[in-house]
C-alpha atoms as a PDB file:
ATOM      1  CA  MET A   1      -7.089  21.440   2.283  1.00  0.00           C
ATOM      2  CA  SER A   2      -6.434  24.509   4.419  1.00  0.00           C
ATOM      3  CA  THR A   3      -4.528  24.426   7.704  1.00  0.00           C
ATOM      4  CA  HIS A   4      -7.778  25.677   9.265  1.00  0.00           C
ATOM      5  CA  PHE A   5      -9.578  22.508   8.150  1.00  0.00           C
ATOM      6  CA  LEU A   6      -6.731  20.234   9.254  1.00  0.00           C
ATOM      7  CA  ALA A   7      -6.463  21.848  12.682  1.00  0.00           C
ATOM      8  CA  ASP A   8     -10.225  21.703  13.272  1.00  0.00           C
ATOM      9  CA  THR A   9     -10.418  18.090  12.114  1.00  0.00           C
ATOM     10  CA  SER A  10      -7.509  17.158  14.362  1.00  0.00           C
ATOM     11  CA  VAL A  11      -9.161  18.699  17.430  1.00  0.00           C
ATOM     12  CA  LEU A  12     -12.550  17.096  16.744  1.00  0.00           C
ATOM     13  CA  THR A  13     -10.960  13.731  15.983  1.00  0.00           C
ATOM     14  CA  GLY A  14      -9.135  13.943  19.301  1.00  0.00           C
ATOM     15  CA  ARG A  15     -12.485  14.554  21.002  1.00  0.00           C
ATOM     16  CA  SER A  16     -14.052  11.510  19.332  1.00  0.00           C
ATOM     17  CA  MET A  17     -11.049   9.320  20.105  1.00  0.00           C
ATOM     18  CA  ARG A  18     -11.208  10.286  23.777  1.00  0.00           C
ATOM     19  CA  HIS A  19     -14.776   9.003  23.806  1.00  0.00           C
ATOM     20  CA  ILE A  20     -13.556   5.752  22.225  1.00  0.00           C
ATOM     21  CA  PHE A  21     -10.748   5.233  24.730  1.00  0.00           C
ATOM     22  CA  ARG A  22     -13.041   6.027  27.640  1.00  0.00           C
ATOM     23  CA  SER A  23     -15.320   3.281  26.374  1.00  0.00           C
ATOM     24  CA  VAL A  24     -12.909   0.599  25.201  1.00  0.00           C
ATOM     25  CA  ASP A  25     -15.759  -1.903  25.423  1.00  0.00           C
ATOM     26  CA  THR A  26     -17.016  -0.446  22.113  1.00  0.00           C
ATOM     27  CA  ILE A  27     -13.938  -1.736  20.300  1.00  0.00           C
ATOM     28  CA  ILE A  28     -14.009  -5.039  22.179  1.00  0.00           C
ATOM     29  CA  THR A  29     -17.731  -5.489  21.503  1.00  0.00           C
ATOM     30  CA  THR A  30     -17.159  -4.832  17.807  1.00  0.00           C
ATOM     31  CA  ALA A  31     -14.504  -7.554  17.769  1.00  0.00           C
ATOM     32  CA  ILE A  32     -16.361 -10.115  19.914  1.00  0.00           C
ATOM     33  CA  THR A  33     -19.021 -11.170  17.392  1.00  0.00           C
ATOM     34  CA  PRO A  34     -16.561 -11.692  14.497  1.00  0.00           C
ATOM     35  CA  ILE A  35     -14.227 -13.609  16.836  1.00  0.00           C
ATOM     36  CA  ALA A  36     -17.142 -15.755  18.024  1.00  0.00           C
ATOM     37  CA  LEU A  37     -18.019 -16.500  14.385  1.00  0.00           C
ATOM     38  CA  MET A  38     -14.397 -17.379  13.658  1.00  0.00           C
ATOM     39  CA  LEU A  39     -14.289 -19.764  16.623  1.00  0.00           C
ATOM     40  CA  LEU A  40     -17.606 -21.318  15.604  1.00  0.00           C
ATOM     41  CA  PHE A  41     -16.727 -21.897  11.972  1.00  0.00           C
ATOM     42  CA  VAL A  42     -13.183 -23.112  12.616  1.00  0.00           C
ATOM     43  CA  TYR A  43     -13.816 -25.443  15.551  1.00  0.00           C
ATOM     44  CA  VAL A  44     -17.417 -26.542  14.896  1.00  0.00           C
ATOM     45  CA  PHE A  45     -18.053 -26.341  11.146  1.00  0.00           C
ATOM     46  CA  GLY A  46     -14.478 -26.244   9.862  1.00  0.00           C
ATOM     47  CA  GLY A  47     -14.055 -30.003   9.694  1.00  0.00           C
ATOM     48  CA  ALA A  48     -17.074 -30.347   7.408  1.00  0.00           C
ATOM     49  CA  ILE A  49     -16.224 -27.473   5.059  1.00  0.00           C
ATOM     50  CA  ARG A  50     -13.983 -28.138   2.065  1.00  0.00           C
ATOM     51  CA  THR A  51     -12.162 -25.083   0.772  1.00  0.00           C
ATOM     52  CA  GLY A  52      -9.037 -26.642  -0.697  1.00  0.00           C
ATOM     53  CA  THR A  53      -6.878 -25.264   2.109  1.00  0.00           C
ATOM     54  CA  GLU A  54      -5.244 -27.176   4.950  1.00  0.00           C
ATOM     55  CA  ASN A  55      -5.967 -24.508   7.548  1.00  0.00           C
ATOM     56  CA  TYR A  56      -9.536 -23.187   7.461  1.00  0.00           C
ATOM     57  CA  VAL A  57      -8.741 -20.121   9.574  1.00  0.00           C
ATOM     58  CA  ASN A  58      -6.424 -18.964   6.773  1.00  0.00           C
ATOM     59  CA  TYR A  59      -9.351 -19.112   4.356  1.00  0.00           C
ATOM     60  CA  LEU A  60     -11.834 -17.594   6.811  1.00  0.00           C
ATOM     61  CA  LEU A  61      -9.932 -14.608   8.234  1.00  0.00           C
ATOM     62  CA  PRO A  62     -10.487 -12.097   5.362  1.00  0.00           C
ATOM     63  CA  GLY A  63     -14.272 -12.538   5.546  1.00  0.00           C
ATOM     64  CA  ILE A  64     -14.248 -12.201   9.329  1.00  0.00           C
ATOM     65  CA  MET A  65     -12.354  -8.920   9.038  1.00  0.00           C
ATOM     66  CA  LEU A  66     -14.958  -7.553   6.626  1.00  0.00           C
ATOM     67  CA  ILE A  67     -17.750  -8.565   9.015  1.00  0.00           C
ATOM     68  CA  ALA A  68     -15.928  -6.719  11.806  1.00  0.00           C
ATOM     69  CA  ILE A  69     -15.735  -3.562   9.690  1.00  0.00           C
ATOM     70  CA  ALA A  70     -19.415  -3.779   8.754  1.00  0.00           C
ATOM     71  CA  SER A  71     -20.245  -4.127  12.463  1.00  0.00           C
ATOM     72  CA  GLY A  72     -17.947  -1.321  13.548  1.00  0.00           C
ATOM     73  CA  ILE A  73     -19.290   1.349  11.228  1.00  0.00           C
ATOM     74  CA  ALA A  74     -22.686   1.116  12.951  1.00  0.00           C
ATOM     75  CA  TYR A  75     -21.083   2.870  15.932  1.00  0.00           C
ATOM     76  CA  THR A  76     -20.003   5.718  13.653  1.00  0.00           C
ATOM     77  CA  ALA A  77     -23.611   6.323  12.639  1.00  0.00           C
ATOM     78  CA  VAL A  78     -24.760   6.111  16.270  1.00  0.00           C
ATOM     79  CA  ARG A  79     -22.051   8.526  17.472  1.00  0.00           C
ATOM     80  CA  LEU A  80     -22.971  11.063  14.786  1.00  0.00           C
ATOM     81  CA  PHE A  81     -26.694  10.671  15.515  1.00  0.00           C
ATOM     82  CA  SER A  82     -25.978  11.098  19.243  1.00  0.00           C
ATOM     83  CA  ASP A  83     -24.094  14.346  18.577  1.00  0.00           C
ATOM     84  CA  MET A  84     -27.009  15.643  16.528  1.00  0.00           C
ATOM     85  CA  GLN A  85     -29.628  14.698  19.114  1.00  0.00           C
ATOM     86  CA  GLY A  86     -27.590  16.015  22.027  1.00  0.00           C
ATOM     87  CA  GLY A  87     -27.174  19.459  20.530  1.00  0.00           C
ATOM     88  CA  ILE A  88     -23.418  19.092  20.155  1.00  0.00           C
ATOM     89  CA  PHE A  89     -23.729  19.120  16.370  1.00  0.00           C
ATOM     90  CA  GLU A  90     -25.491  22.497  16.398  1.00  0.00           C
ATOM     91  CA  ARG A  91     -23.037  23.870  18.953  1.00  0.00           C
ATOM     92  CA  LEU A  92     -20.072  22.918  16.790  1.00  0.00           C
ATOM     93  CA  GLN A  93     -21.753  24.435  13.743  1.00  0.00           C
ATOM     94  CA  SER A  94     -22.105  27.747  15.599  1.00  0.00           C
ATOM     95  CA  MET A  95     -18.348  27.920  16.140  1.00  0.00           C
ATOM     96  CA  PRO A  96     -15.866  29.380  13.639  1.00  0.00           C
ATOM     97  CA  ILE A  97     -14.683  25.983  12.388  1.00  0.00           C
ATOM     98  CA  ALA A  98     -14.493  24.304   9.010  1.00  0.00           C
ATOM     99  CA  ARG A  99     -17.929  22.780   8.468  1.00  0.00           C
ATOM    100  CA  SER A 100     -16.686  19.556   6.880  1.00  0.00           C
ATOM    101  CA  SER A 101     -14.303  18.878   9.770  1.00  0.00           C
ATOM    102  CA  VAL A 102     -17.267  17.747  11.888  1.00  0.00           C
ATOM    103  CA  LEU A 103     -17.914  14.821   9.539  1.00  0.00           C
ATOM    104  CA  TRP A 104     -14.281  14.035   8.812  1.00  0.00           C
ATOM    105  CA  ALA A 105     -13.592  13.699  12.529  1.00  0.00           C
ATOM    106  CA  HIS A 106     -16.149  10.897  12.693  1.00  0.00           C
ATOM    107  CA  VAL A 107     -14.677   9.306   9.562  1.00  0.00           C
ATOM    108  CA  LEU A 108     -11.126   9.288  10.942  1.00  0.00           C
ATOM    109  CA  THR A 109     -12.353   7.962  14.283  1.00  0.00           C
ATOM    110  CA  SER A 110     -14.064   5.125  12.430  1.00  0.00           C
ATOM    111  CA  LEU A 111     -10.841   4.243  10.627  1.00  0.00           C
ATOM    112  CA  VAL A 112      -8.848   4.134  13.868  1.00  0.00           C
ATOM    113  CA  ALA A 113     -11.481   2.257  15.900  1.00  0.00           C
ATOM    114  CA  ASN A 114     -12.032  -0.351  13.193  1.00  0.00           C
ATOM    115  CA  GLY A 115      -8.280  -0.700  12.754  1.00  0.00           C
ATOM    116  CA  LEU A 116      -7.890  -1.505  16.450  1.00  0.00           C
ATOM    117  CA  SER A 117     -10.672  -4.108  16.228  1.00  0.00           C
ATOM    118  CA  LEU A 118      -8.945  -5.743  13.260  1.00  0.00           C
ATOM    119  CA  VAL A 119      -5.666  -5.927  15.172  1.00  0.00           C
ATOM    120  CA  ILE A 120      -7.466  -7.794  17.968  1.00  0.00           C
ATOM    121  CA  ILE A 121      -9.051 -10.197  15.469  1.00  0.00           C
ATOM    122  CA  VAL A 122      -5.762 -10.914  13.697  1.00  0.00           C
ATOM    123  CA  GLY A 123      -4.153 -11.561  17.096  1.00  0.00           C
ATOM    124  CA  VAL A 124      -6.830 -14.125  17.948  1.00  0.00           C
ATOM    125  CA  ALA A 125      -6.488 -15.698  14.487  1.00  0.00           C
ATOM    126  CA  LEU A 126      -2.747 -16.129  15.070  1.00  0.00           C
ATOM    127  CA  LEU A 127      -3.501 -17.934  18.327  1.00  0.00           C
ATOM    128  CA  MET A 128      -5.905 -20.178  16.382  1.00  0.00           C
ATOM    129  CA  GLY A 129      -3.195 -21.129  13.909  1.00  0.00           C
ATOM    130  CA  PHE A 130      -3.405 -18.502  11.176  1.00  0.00           C
ATOM    131  CA  ARG A 131      -0.135 -18.423   9.267  1.00  0.00           C
ATOM    132  CA  THR A 132       1.000 -16.558   6.175  1.00  0.00           C
ATOM    133  CA  SER A 133       4.251 -15.940   4.357  1.00  0.00           C
ATOM    134  CA  ALA A 134       3.047 -12.509   3.249  1.00  0.00           C
ATOM    135  CA  SER A 135       5.719  -9.816   3.293  1.00  0.00           C
ATOM    136  CA  VAL A 136       5.502  -6.429   4.935  1.00  0.00           C
ATOM    137  CA  LEU A 137       4.468  -4.931   1.597  1.00  0.00           C
ATOM    138  CA  ASP A 138       1.757  -7.573   1.256  1.00  0.00           C
ATOM    139  CA  TRP A 139       0.415  -6.699   4.716  1.00  0.00           C
ATOM    140  CA  LEU A 140       0.452  -3.029   3.767  1.00  0.00           C
ATOM    141  CA  ALA A 141      -1.548  -3.873   0.634  1.00  0.00           C
ATOM    142  CA  VAL A 142      -4.111  -5.760   2.742  1.00  0.00           C
ATOM    143  CA  ALA A 143      -4.259  -2.857   5.196  1.00  0.00           C
ATOM    144  CA  GLY A 144      -4.822  -0.442   2.315  1.00  0.00           C
ATOM    145  CA  ILE A 145      -7.700  -2.507   0.893  1.00  0.00           C
ATOM    146  CA  LEU A 146      -9.316  -2.820   4.334  1.00  0.00           C
ATOM    147  CA  ALA A 147      -8.878   0.917   4.966  1.00  0.00           C
ATOM    148  CA  LEU A 148     -10.497   1.755   1.630  1.00  0.00           C
ATOM    149  CA  PHE A 149     -13.376  -0.636   2.381  1.00  0.00           C
ATOM    150  CA  THR A 150     -13.770   0.936   5.831  1.00  0.00           C
ATOM    151  CA  LEU A 151     -13.744   4.421   4.360  1.00  0.00           C
ATOM    152  CA  ALA A 152     -16.414   3.531   1.801  1.00  0.00           C
ATOM    153  CA  LEU A 153     -18.727   1.976   4.396  1.00  0.00           C
ATOM    154  CA  THR A 154     -18.070   4.787   6.860  1.00  0.00           C
ATOM    155  CA  TRP A 155     -19.517   7.347   4.460  1.00  0.00           C
ATOM    156  CA  ILE A 156     -22.605   5.151   4.187  1.00  0.00           C
ATOM    157  CA  ALA A 157     -22.711   5.268   7.993  1.00  0.00           C
ATOM    158  CA  ILE A 158     -22.461   9.067   7.852  1.00  0.00           C
ATOM    159  CA  ILE A 159     -25.572   9.136   5.653  1.00  0.00           C
ATOM    160  CA  ALA A 160     -27.393   6.913   8.155  1.00  0.00           C
ATOM    161  CA  GLY A 161     -26.306   9.082  11.070  1.00  0.00           C
ATOM    162  CA  LEU A 162     -27.486  12.258   9.346  1.00  0.00           C
ATOM    163  CA  THR A 163     -30.869  10.903   8.235  1.00  0.00           C
ATOM    164  CA  ALA A 164     -31.892   8.512  11.039  1.00  0.00           C
ATOM    165  CA  LYS A 165     -34.861   9.287  13.277  1.00  0.00           C
ATOM    166  CA  THR A 166     -33.909   6.952  16.154  1.00  0.00           C
ATOM    167  CA  PHE A 167     -30.780   5.359  17.643  1.00  0.00           C
ATOM    168  CA  ASP A 168     -31.927   1.959  16.375  1.00  0.00           C
ATOM    169  CA  GLY A 169     -32.365   3.393  12.913  1.00  0.00           C
ATOM    170  CA  ALA A 170     -28.889   4.913  12.988  1.00  0.00           C
ATOM    171  CA  GLY A 171     -27.206   1.572  13.595  1.00  0.00           C
ATOM    172  CA  GLY A 172     -29.724  -0.739  11.932  1.00  0.00           C
ATOM    173  CA  PHE A 173     -28.549   0.019   8.385  1.00  0.00           C
ATOM    174  CA  SER A 174     -25.449  -2.108   8.993  1.00  0.00           C
ATOM    175  CA  TYR A 175     -27.292  -5.447   9.281  1.00  0.00           C
ATOM    176  CA  PRO A 176     -27.511  -6.087   5.518  1.00  0.00           C
ATOM    177  CA  LEU A 177     -23.814  -5.197   5.228  1.00  0.00           C
ATOM    178  CA  ILE A 178     -22.927  -7.653   7.998  1.00  0.00           C
ATOM    179  CA  PHE A 179     -24.946 -10.353   6.247  1.00  0.00           C
ATOM    180  CA  LEU A 180     -23.357  -9.754   2.823  1.00  0.00           C
ATOM    181  CA  PRO A 181     -20.135 -11.758   3.517  1.00  0.00           C
ATOM    182  CA  PHE A 182     -22.241 -14.843   4.219  1.00  0.00           C
ATOM    183  CA  ILE A 183     -23.317 -14.856   0.550  1.00  0.00           C
ATOM    184  CA  SER A 184     -19.809 -14.590  -0.820  1.00  0.00           C
ATOM    185  CA  SER A 185     -16.599 -16.581  -0.961  1.00  0.00           C
ATOM    186  CA  ALA A 186     -15.821 -15.630   2.649  1.00  0.00           C
ATOM    187  CA  PHE A 187     -16.861 -18.982   4.154  1.00  0.00           C
ATOM    188  CA  VAL A 188     -16.987 -21.406   1.229  1.00  0.00           C
ATOM    189  CA  PRO A 189     -15.939 -21.298  -2.439  1.00  0.00           C
ATOM    190  CA  THR A 190     -18.691 -19.908  -4.642  1.00  0.00           C
ATOM    191  CA  ASP A 191     -18.592 -22.924  -6.983  1.00  0.00           C
ATOM    192  CA  THR A 192     -20.340 -24.984  -4.287  1.00  0.00           C
ATOM    193  CA  MET A 193     -23.406 -22.717  -4.383  1.00  0.00           C
ATOM    194  CA  PRO A 194     -26.582 -23.202  -6.475  1.00  0.00           C
ATOM    195  CA  GLY A 195     -26.865 -21.155  -9.672  1.00  0.00           C
ATOM    196  CA  PRO A 196     -28.672 -17.923  -8.673  1.00  0.00           C
ATOM    197  CA  VAL A 197     -26.874 -17.710  -5.324  1.00  0.00           C
ATOM    198  CA  ARG A 198     -23.539 -18.326  -7.000  1.00  0.00           C
ATOM    199  CA  TRP A 199     -24.212 -15.583  -9.562  1.00  0.00           C
ATOM    200  CA  PHE A 200     -25.008 -13.090  -6.792  1.00  0.00           C
ATOM    201  CA  ALA A 201     -22.010 -14.149  -4.693  1.00  0.00           C
ATOM    202  CA  GLU A 202     -19.594 -13.781  -7.597  1.00  0.00           C
ATOM    203  CA  ASN A 203     -20.908 -10.356  -8.591  1.00  0.00           C
ATOM    204  CA  GLN A 204     -21.055  -8.541  -5.271  1.00  0.00           C
ATOM    205  CA  PRO A 205     -18.173  -6.522  -3.798  1.00  0.00           C
ATOM    206  CA  VAL A 206     -17.288  -8.710  -0.815  1.00  0.00           C
ATOM    207  CA  THR A 207     -16.227 -11.713  -2.927  1.00  0.00           C
ATOM    208  CA  SER A 208     -13.630  -9.793  -4.930  1.00  0.00           C
ATOM    209  CA  ILE A 209     -12.223  -8.213  -1.762  1.00  0.00           C
ATOM    210  CA  VAL A 210     -12.105 -11.553   0.074  1.00  0.00           C
ATOM    211  CA  ASN A 211     -10.487 -13.304  -2.910  1.00  0.00           C
ATOM    212  CA  THR A 212      -7.841 -10.597  -3.178  1.00  0.00           C
ATOM    213  CA  ILE A 213      -6.882 -10.783   0.497  1.00  0.00           C
ATOM    214  CA  GLN A 214      -6.937 -14.602   0.505  1.00  0.00           C
ATOM    215  CA  ASN A 215      -4.599 -14.669  -2.491  1.00  0.00           C
ATOM    216  CA  ILE A 216      -2.244 -12.131  -0.934  1.00  0.00           C
ATOM    217  CA  PHE A 217      -2.038 -14.138   2.293  1.00  0.00           C
ATOM    218  CA  ALA A 218      -1.514 -17.385   0.344  1.00  0.00           C
ATOM    219  CA  GLN A 219       1.058 -15.724  -1.963  1.00  0.00           C
ATOM    220  CA  ARG A 220      -0.992 -16.534  -5.056  1.00  0.00           C
ATOM    221  CA  PRO A 221      -1.514 -14.199  -8.053  1.00  0.00           C
ATOM    222  CA  VAL A 222      -4.411 -11.854  -7.308  1.00  0.00           C
ATOM    223  CA  GLY A 223      -5.454 -11.644 -10.956  1.00  0.00           C
ATOM    224  CA  SER A 224      -8.303  -9.284 -11.819  1.00  0.00           C
ATOM    225  CA  ASP A 225      -9.917  -9.574  -8.377  1.00  0.00           C
ATOM    226  CA  ILE A 226      -7.875  -6.705  -6.973  1.00  0.00           C
ATOM    227  CA  TRP A 227      -9.037  -4.333  -9.720  1.00  0.00           C
ATOM    228  CA  VAL A 228     -12.655  -5.379  -9.246  1.00  0.00           C
ATOM    229  CA  ALA A 229     -12.272  -4.923  -5.481  1.00  0.00           C
ATOM    230  CA  LEU A 230     -10.762  -1.455  -5.881  1.00  0.00           C
ATOM    231  CA  ALA A 231     -13.440  -0.460  -8.397  1.00  0.00           C
ATOM    232  CA  TRP A 232     -16.201  -1.518  -5.989  1.00  0.00           C
ATOM    233  CA  CYS A 233     -14.639   0.282  -3.022  1.00  0.00           C
ATOM    234  CA  LEU A 234     -13.899   3.488  -4.930  1.00  0.00           C
ATOM    235  CA  GLY A 235     -17.329   3.491  -6.596  1.00  0.00           C
ATOM    236  CA  ILE A 236     -19.150   3.064  -3.281  1.00  0.00           C
ATOM    237  CA  LEU A 237     -16.894   5.657  -1.651  1.00  0.00           C
ATOM    238  CA  VAL A 238     -17.522   8.319  -4.296  1.00  0.00           C
ATOM    239  CA  LEU A 239     -21.280   7.775  -4.412  1.00  0.00           C
ATOM    240  CA  ALA A 240     -21.648   7.689  -0.621  1.00  0.00           C
ATOM    241  CA  TYR A 241     -19.457  10.769  -0.165  1.00  0.00           C
ATOM    242  CA  VAL A 242     -21.383  12.798  -2.744  1.00  0.00           C
ATOM    243  CA  PHE A 243     -24.736  11.822  -1.255  1.00  0.00           C
ATOM    244  CA  ALA A 244     -23.550  12.453   2.312  1.00  0.00           C
ATOM    245  CA  ALA A 245     -22.233  15.882   1.312  1.00  0.00           C
ATOM    246  CA  ARG A 246     -25.638  16.817  -0.172  1.00  0.00           C
ATOM    247  CA  VAL A 247     -27.484  15.642   2.944  1.00  0.00           C
ATOM    248  CA  TYR A 248     -25.042  17.519   5.162  1.00  0.00           C
ATOM    249  CA  ARG A 249     -25.446  20.755   3.205  1.00  0.00           C
ATOM    250  CA  ARG A 250     -29.199  20.516   3.670  1.00  0.00           C
ATOM    251  CA  LYS A 251     -28.745  19.941   7.396  1.00  0.00           C
ATOM    252  CA  ILE A 252     -26.587  23.017   7.933  1.00  0.00           C
ATOM    253  CA  SER A 253     -28.377  25.361   5.516  1.00  0.00           C
END
């Protein structure tokens, strides 16, 4: 990466972050729905759900964090679409800047904004009784997995932002991603599910990611789940990045 690219990306990321901090309600709104779900499942459904853990919020938190990320990336697509519709995208392209820095600024903003939302959610979970003996290194491992998951989904959001025709279309792609944790091990163990549903739940990316984070928090061996989780995240990231780059080249050519 050239210093030209890094400097341009830094400036454009600063611009996007200023928009975020001037509208803090975006981060809060992203966190509200996952927190509401966490409150609902812990205090309403938690007593009826058997997960083999004494504290249901400990079991639930990893899935809630993934839902928050899936919700948050919709704003990335909307922000990019807004820049394109408002003429800012074309204006930036007319300047002597690194072309890819325009997209990377949105990607980095997504990572920071989603990170802030996750901090809020973890804070609420601690108030609800979440406890873990995970070490600092364990927390860093969890943060790395969540960052990789965010990065992979963010590039999907970039594709949506580049190809959408309306604001609703730009953010609407995230709904299936938000729903995906509900058919996984995020809320209940997969062995309680009927055959076809169980097969799908055990072979989709969210389950391996949730299992890995749950095991790290509970200080259990992560087994092969972590490698499956990393493979899913890296595979989605590479495919989404390549496709987004092709779409972007067509947009600026």
